[in-house]
Amino acid sequence: MLNNYDSLNEMVDGAPVRIIGRTTIFIPYKAIKSDGTFDICEFGDSVRSELGLTFIVDRYVPEQYEKLYIDNEGFLPKLKVKDGETLINNETDIEREIRLKEQELLQLKAQYSTVEVV
């Protein structure tokens, strides 16, 4: 399953908190073929000098870009998994638990930093 997210952050008591486990995948327009597949992409937080599409996805998705295509049906393009393909999340249970604890810690820090000290 492929999740397309609207943001890398979530708001906690009015403060944006980065969601651990999400990243961006950037696909230059020139790399998109007529069938929606692409052979070039970049991922992570970097400044791009060319025009293209950016999607926010789970961190294990960009490394499997050959299993993806861009669906141009509808108003906005969507990143989708090709028929017959499956995305694999190699995250172990302990890695998942660590990621969730780190996210919880970030949320608590954001709540603490927005509390008015009297």
C-alpha atoms as a PDB file:
ATOM      1  CA  MET A   1       0.000   0.000   0.000  1.00  0.00           C
ATOM      2  CA  LEU A   2       1.212   3.492  -0.817  1.00  0.00           C
ATOM      3  CA  ASN A   3       0.327   6.464   1.358  1.00  0.00           C
ATOM      4  CA  ASN A   4       0.519   9.950  -0.170  1.00  0.00           C
ATOM      5  CA  TYR A   5       0.658  12.506   2.632  1.00  0.00           C
ATOM      6  CA  ASP A   6      -0.110  16.229   2.609  1.00  0.00           C
ATOM      7  CA  SER A   7       2.639  17.231   5.017  1.00  0.00           C
ATOM      8  CA  LEU A   8       5.926  16.167   6.548  1.00  0.00           C
ATOM      9  CA  ASN A   9       4.749  17.736   9.828  1.00  0.00           C
ATOM     10  CA  GLU A  10       1.881  17.587  12.242  1.00  0.00           C
ATOM     11  CA  MET A  11       0.751  20.382  14.506  1.00  0.00           C
ATOM     12  CA  VAL A  12       1.119  19.820  18.255  1.00  0.00           C
ATOM     13  CA  ASP A  13      -0.270  22.657  20.362  1.00  0.00           C
ATOM     14  CA  GLY A  14       0.335  25.088  17.529  1.00  0.00           C
ATOM     15  CA  ALA A  15       3.898  23.979  16.822  1.00  0.00           C
ATOM     16  CA  PRO A  16       4.896  21.945  13.744  1.00  0.00           C
ATOM     17  CA  VAL A  17       6.547  18.620  14.554  1.00  0.00           C
ATOM     18  CA  ARG A  18       8.343  16.616  11.867  1.00  0.00           C
ATOM     19  CA  ILE A  19       6.839  13.161  11.450  1.00  0.00           C
ATOM     20  CA  ILE A  20       9.623  10.611  11.626  1.00  0.00           C
ATOM     21  CA  GLY A  21       9.308   8.030   8.879  1.00  0.00           C
ATOM     22  CA  ARG A  22       8.138  10.364   6.094  1.00  0.00           C
ATOM     23  CA  THR A  23      10.219  11.754   3.264  1.00  0.00           C
ATOM     24  CA  THR A  24       9.772  13.444  -0.077  1.00  0.00           C
ATOM     25  CA  ILE A  25      10.232  11.926  -3.502  1.00  0.00           C
ATOM     26  CA  PHE A  26      10.869  14.365  -6.349  1.00  0.00           C
ATOM     27  CA  ILE A  27      10.307  13.359  -9.976  1.00  0.00           C
ATOM     28  CA  PRO A  28      11.510  15.797 -12.655  1.00  0.00           C
ATOM     29  CA  TYR A  29       8.969  16.411 -15.426  1.00  0.00           C
ATOM     30  CA  LYS A  30      11.551  15.393 -18.019  1.00  0.00           C
ATOM     31  CA  ALA A  31      11.833  11.936 -16.413  1.00  0.00           C
ATOM     32  CA  ILE A  32       8.097  11.149 -16.637  1.00  0.00           C
ATOM     33  CA  LYS A  33       7.200   8.897 -19.566  1.00  0.00           C
ATOM     34  CA  SER A  34       3.854   8.876 -21.369  1.00  0.00           C
ATOM     35  CA  ASP A  35       2.666   5.820 -19.388  1.00  0.00           C
ATOM     36  CA  GLY A  36       3.386   7.582 -16.075  1.00  0.00           C
ATOM     37  CA  THR A  37       6.530   5.634 -15.244  1.00  0.00           C
ATOM     38  CA  PHE A  38       9.797   7.399 -14.536  1.00  0.00           C
ATOM     39  CA  ASP A  39      13.435   6.421 -14.408  1.00  0.00           C
ATOM     40  CA  ILE A  40      14.883   9.261 -12.336  1.00  0.00           C
ATOM     41  CA  CYS A  41      13.879  10.507  -8.899  1.00  0.00           C
ATOM     42  CA  GLU A  42      15.434  12.206  -5.910  1.00  0.00           C
ATOM     43  CA  PHE A  43      14.413  11.836  -2.314  1.00  0.00           C
ATOM     44  CA  GLY A  44      15.017  13.638   0.921  1.00  0.00           C
ATOM     45  CA  ASP A  45      15.024  17.308   1.792  1.00  0.00           C
ATOM     46  CA  SER A  46      17.040  19.125  -0.815  1.00  0.00           C
ATOM     47  CA  VAL A  47      16.488  22.124  -3.038  1.00  0.00           C
ATOM     48  CA  ARG A  48      15.633  21.236  -6.625  1.00  0.00           C
ATOM     49  CA  SER A  49      16.653  23.464  -9.512  1.00  0.00           C
ATOM     50  CA  GLU A  50      14.349  21.868 -12.068  1.00  0.00           C
ATOM     51  CA  LEU A  51      10.586  21.540 -12.400  1.00  0.00           C
ATOM     52  CA  GLY A  52       8.811  18.379 -11.357  1.00  0.00           C
ATOM     53  CA  LEU A  53       6.432  16.705  -8.946  1.00  0.00           C
ATOM     54  CA  THR A  54       7.034  16.208  -5.243  1.00  0.00           C
ATOM     55  CA  PHE A  55       5.188  13.630  -3.177  1.00  0.00           C
ATOM     56  CA  ILE A  56       5.361  12.964   0.555  1.00  0.00           C
ATOM     57  CA  VAL A  57       5.579   9.251   1.276  1.00  0.00           C
ATOM     58  CA  ASP A  58       6.804   6.740   3.844  1.00  0.00           C
ATOM     59  CA  ARG A  59      10.596   6.560   4.018  1.00  0.00           C
ATOM     60  CA  TYR A  60      10.873   3.061   2.516  1.00  0.00           C
ATOM     61  CA  VAL A  61       9.034   4.035  -0.694  1.00  0.00           C
ATOM     62  CA  PRO A  62      11.617   6.016  -2.739  1.00  0.00           C
ATOM     63  CA  GLU A  63      14.085   3.121  -2.868  1.00  0.00           C
ATOM     64  CA  GLN A  64      11.386   1.103  -4.654  1.00  0.00           C
ATOM     65  CA  TYR A  65      10.555   3.772  -7.236  1.00  0.00           C
ATOM     66  CA  GLU A  66      10.665   1.248 -10.097  1.00  0.00           C
ATOM     67  CA  LYS A  67       7.409  -0.186  -8.693  1.00  0.00           C
ATOM     68  CA  LEU A  68       5.656   3.187  -8.954  1.00  0.00           C
ATOM     69  CA  TYR A  69       3.967   5.297 -11.594  1.00  0.00           C
ATOM     70  CA  ILE A  70       2.215   8.651 -11.753  1.00  0.00           C
ATOM     71  CA  ASP A  71      -1.525   8.547 -12.327  1.00  0.00           C
ATOM     72  CA  ASN A  72      -2.611  11.708 -14.150  1.00  0.00           C
ATOM     73  CA  GLU A  73      -6.313  10.893 -13.979  1.00  0.00           C
ATOM     74  CA  GLY A  74      -8.254  13.501 -12.055  1.00  0.00           C
ATOM     75  CA  PHE A  75      -7.334  16.975 -10.935  1.00  0.00           C
ATOM     76  CA  LEU A  76      -4.011  16.249  -9.207  1.00  0.00           C
ATOM     77  CA  PRO A  77      -1.365  13.666 -10.153  1.00  0.00           C
ATOM     78  CA  LYS A  78      -1.086  10.757  -7.717  1.00  0.00           C
ATOM     79  CA  LEU A  79       1.809   8.440  -7.065  1.00  0.00           C
ATOM     80  CA  LYS A  80       0.598   4.831  -7.247  1.00  0.00           C
ATOM     81  CA  VAL A  81       1.929   1.275  -7.167  1.00  0.00           C
ATOM     82  CA  LYS A  82       1.997  -0.543 -10.511  1.00  0.00           C
ATOM     83  CA  ASP A  83      -0.396  -3.468 -10.945  1.00  0.00           C
ATOM     84  CA  GLY A  84       1.161  -6.681  -9.699  1.00  0.00           C
ATOM     85  CA  GLU A  85       3.776  -4.895  -7.581  1.00  0.00           C
ATOM     86  CA  THR A  86       3.980  -4.698  -3.791  1.00  0.00           C
ATOM     87  CA  LEU A  87       5.958  -2.249  -1.701  1.00  0.00           C
ATOM     88  CA  ILE A  88       8.033  -3.874   1.010  1.00  0.00           C
ATOM     89  CA  ASN A  89       8.612  -2.232   4.365  1.00  0.00           C
ATOM     90  CA  ASN A  90      11.745  -3.808   5.832  1.00  0.00           C
ATOM     91  CA  GLU A  91      11.341  -2.000   9.153  1.00  0.00           C
ATOM     92  CA  THR A  92      11.774  -4.443  12.039  1.00  0.00           C
ATOM     93  CA  ASP A  93       9.527  -4.398  15.096  1.00  0.00           C
ATOM     94  CA  ILE A  94      12.259  -2.818  17.215  1.00  0.00           C
ATOM     95  CA  GLU A  95      12.928  -0.135  14.551  1.00  0.00           C
ATOM     96  CA  ARG A  96       9.220   0.630  14.429  1.00  0.00           C
ATOM     97  CA  GLU A  97       9.043   0.870  18.205  1.00  0.00           C
ATOM     98  CA  ILE A  98      12.066   3.215  18.276  1.00  0.00           C
ATOM     99  CA  ARG A  99      10.537   5.405  15.552  1.00  0.00           C
ATOM    100  CA  LEU A 100       7.246   5.654  17.446  1.00  0.00           C
ATOM    101  CA  LYS A 101       9.041   6.522  20.710  1.00  0.00           C
ATOM    102  CA  GLU A 102      11.126   9.186  18.933  1.00  0.00           C
ATOM    103  CA  GLN A 103       7.931  10.646  17.463  1.00  0.00           C
ATOM    104  CA  GLU A 104       6.304  10.676  20.879  1.00  0.00           C
ATOM    105  CA  LEU A 105       9.348  12.456  22.321  1.00  0.00           C
ATOM    106  CA  LEU A 106       9.200  15.120  19.584  1.00  0.00           C
ATOM    107  CA  GLN A 107       5.526  15.691  20.310  1.00  0.00           C
ATOM    108  CA  LEU A 108       6.187  16.080  24.028  1.00  0.00           C
ATOM    109  CA  LYS A 109       9.017  18.534  23.332  1.00  0.00           C
ATOM    110  CA  ALA A 110       6.713  20.563  21.097  1.00  0.00           C
ATOM    111  CA  GLN A 111       4.027  20.622  23.785  1.00  0.00           C
ATOM    112  CA  TYR A 112       6.568  21.671  26.411  1.00  0.00           C
ATOM    113  CA  SER A 113       7.969  24.480  24.261  1.00  0.00           C
ATOM    114  CA  THR A 114       4.504  25.956  23.701  1.00  0.00           C
ATOM    115  CA  VAL A 115       3.510  25.913  27.394  1.00  0.00           C
ATOM    116  CA  GLU A 116       3.500  29.400  28.864  1.00  0.00           C
ATOM    117  CA  VAL A 117       5.841  29.592  31.821  1.00  0.00           C
ATOM    118  CA  VAL A 118       4.412  31.700  34.676  1.00  0.00           C
END
